[in-house]
Amino acid sequence: MENTYHIKSRFWISSKEGTYLGEGRVRLLQAIDKNGSISAASKELNISYRKAWKMIDIMNSQAKSPLVERQTGGKKGGGTVVTKEGKKAIASYLVLKEKCNAFMDQAFAEMDFND
């Protein structure tokens, strides 16, 4: 039986205050952007509403300006939005992830694990 190996990696962006961004937090931001609601996003990701809010609070407290803001009122009764800063954080993380994966794939290919 021949093995074909692949490499996987994950990374987090953190500060002395803790984790700022990581895979799960970016997924949460994307789900909030898609659904317009923390409740719907937390259900989609199968995490508790409380955990989602805690993650948002931590990100917002570390960011230059909030990544997520609550909106009240309106035709739909309000909701939650990912701010311009939040969308920039998502995009930056995804670019960094792509570059990290490309580097890891290249380094792994040079190690001849699949021979």
Protein backbone atom coordinates (compact mmCIF):
# COMPACT_ATOMS: atom_id res chain seq x y z
CA MET A 1 0.00 0.00 0.00
CA GLU A 2 1.41 3.35 -1.04
CA ASN A 3 1.00 6.35 1.26
CA THR A 4 0.51 9.80 -0.13
CA TYR A 5 1.16 12.31 2.60
CA HIS A 6 -0.13 15.85 2.87
CA ILE A 7 0.82 18.58 5.28
CA LYS A 8 -1.66 20.61 7.30
CA SER A 9 -1.00 23.57 9.52
CA ARG A 10 -2.93 26.13 11.52
CA PHE A 11 -1.80 29.39 13.01
CA TRP A 12 -3.10 32.06 15.32
CA ILE A 13 -2.40 35.75 15.53
CA SER A 14 -2.05 36.67 19.17
CA SER A 15 -0.85 39.37 21.52
CA LYS A 16 -0.16 39.53 25.22
CA GLU A 17 -3.95 39.81 25.66
CA GLY A 18 -4.51 36.44 23.97
CA THR A 19 -5.64 35.16 20.60
CA TYR A 20 -6.76 37.87 18.20
CA LEU A 21 -7.45 35.84 15.05
CA GLY A 22 -7.38 32.19 14.12
CA GLU A 23 -9.27 29.82 11.87
CA GLY A 24 -12.32 29.58 14.16
CA ARG A 25 -12.56 33.32 14.73
CA VAL A 26 -12.35 34.04 11.01
CA ARG A 27 -15.07 31.45 10.35
CA LEU A 28 -17.20 33.19 12.99
CA LEU A 29 -16.68 36.59 11.34
CA GLN A 30 -17.56 35.10 7.95
CA ALA A 31 -20.71 33.47 9.34
CA ILE A 32 -21.81 36.73 10.99
CA ASP A 33 -21.21 38.58 7.73
CA LYS A 34 -23.26 35.97 5.85
CA ASN A 35 -26.12 35.71 8.36
CA GLY A 36 -26.25 39.19 9.86
CA SER A 37 -26.67 37.65 13.29
CA ILE A 38 -24.47 36.19 16.00
CA SER A 39 -27.21 33.73 16.92
CA ALA A 40 -27.47 32.36 13.37
CA ALA A 41 -23.68 32.32 13.00
CA SER A 42 -23.19 30.40 16.24
CA LYS A 43 -25.83 27.85 15.18
CA GLU A 44 -24.17 27.43 11.79
CA LEU A 45 -20.80 26.82 13.45
CA ASN A 46 -22.29 24.67 16.20
CA ILE A 47 -20.90 26.82 19.02
CA SER A 48 -22.79 28.45 21.86
CA TYR A 49 -24.01 32.01 21.52
CA ARG A 50 -22.09 32.85 24.69
CA LYS A 51 -18.83 31.47 23.27
CA ALA A 52 -19.36 33.42 20.04
CA TRP A 53 -19.88 36.66 21.98
CA LYS A 54 -16.80 36.00 24.09
CA MET A 55 -14.71 35.52 20.94
CA ILE A 56 -16.12 38.74 19.47
CA ASP A 57 -15.46 40.69 22.66
CA ILE A 58 -11.83 39.52 22.70
CA MET A 59 -11.30 40.40 19.03
CA ASN A 60 -13.01 43.79 19.41
CA SER A 61 -10.97 44.65 22.50
CA GLN A 62 -7.70 43.97 20.66
CA ALA A 63 -8.57 45.59 17.33
CA LYS A 64 -7.91 49.22 16.41
CA SER A 65 -11.66 49.55 15.90
CA PRO A 66 -14.43 46.97 16.37
CA LEU A 67 -14.59 44.05 13.95
CA VAL A 68 -18.24 43.40 14.78
CA GLU A 69 -20.97 45.83 15.79
CA ARG A 70 -24.53 45.35 16.93
CA GLN A 71 -27.24 47.29 15.13
CA THR A 72 -30.63 47.96 16.67
CA GLY A 73 -33.96 48.71 15.06
CA GLY A 74 -34.64 48.84 11.36
CA LYS A 75 -37.06 46.81 9.26
CA LYS A 76 -35.59 43.50 10.38
CA GLY A 77 -35.27 44.53 14.02
CA GLY A 78 -31.51 44.98 14.02
CA GLY A 79 -28.72 42.48 13.89
CA THR A 80 -24.97 42.28 13.82
CA VAL A 81 -22.58 43.47 11.15
CA VAL A 82 -18.95 42.83 10.37
CA THR A 83 -17.33 46.24 10.05
CA LYS A 84 -14.89 47.44 7.41
CA GLU A 85 -12.10 46.65 9.90
CA GLY A 86 -13.56 43.15 10.36
CA LYS A 87 -13.67 42.51 6.62
CA LYS A 88 -10.08 43.72 6.35
CA ALA A 89 -9.06 41.31 9.15
CA ILE A 90 -10.77 38.40 7.35
CA ALA A 91 -9.08 39.24 4.04
CA SER A 92 -5.65 39.71 5.64
CA TYR A 93 -5.91 36.43 7.54
CA LEU A 94 -6.92 34.54 4.38
CA VAL A 95 -3.99 36.00 2.39
CA LEU A 96 -1.60 35.05 5.19
CA LYS A 97 -3.13 31.56 5.34
CA GLU A 98 -2.68 31.12 1.58
CA LYS A 99 0.97 32.23 1.78
CA CYS A 100 1.61 30.00 4.78
CA ASN A 101 0.08 26.99 3.02
CA ALA A 102 2.11 27.64 -0.15
CA PHE A 103 5.31 27.84 1.90
CA MET A 104 4.47 24.67 3.85
CA ASP A 105 3.56 22.76 0.66
CA GLN A 106 6.87 23.77 -0.96
CA ALA A 107 8.95 22.90 2.10
CA PHE A 108 7.13 19.59 2.49
CA ALA A 109 7.63 18.69 -1.18
CA GLU A 110 11.37 19.20 -0.75
CA MET A 111 11.45 16.58 2.04
CA ASP A 112 10.47 13.59 -0.15
CA PHE A 113 7.91 12.06 2.24
CA ASN A 114 6.00 10.54 -0.68
CA ASP A 115 8.90 8.57 -2.19
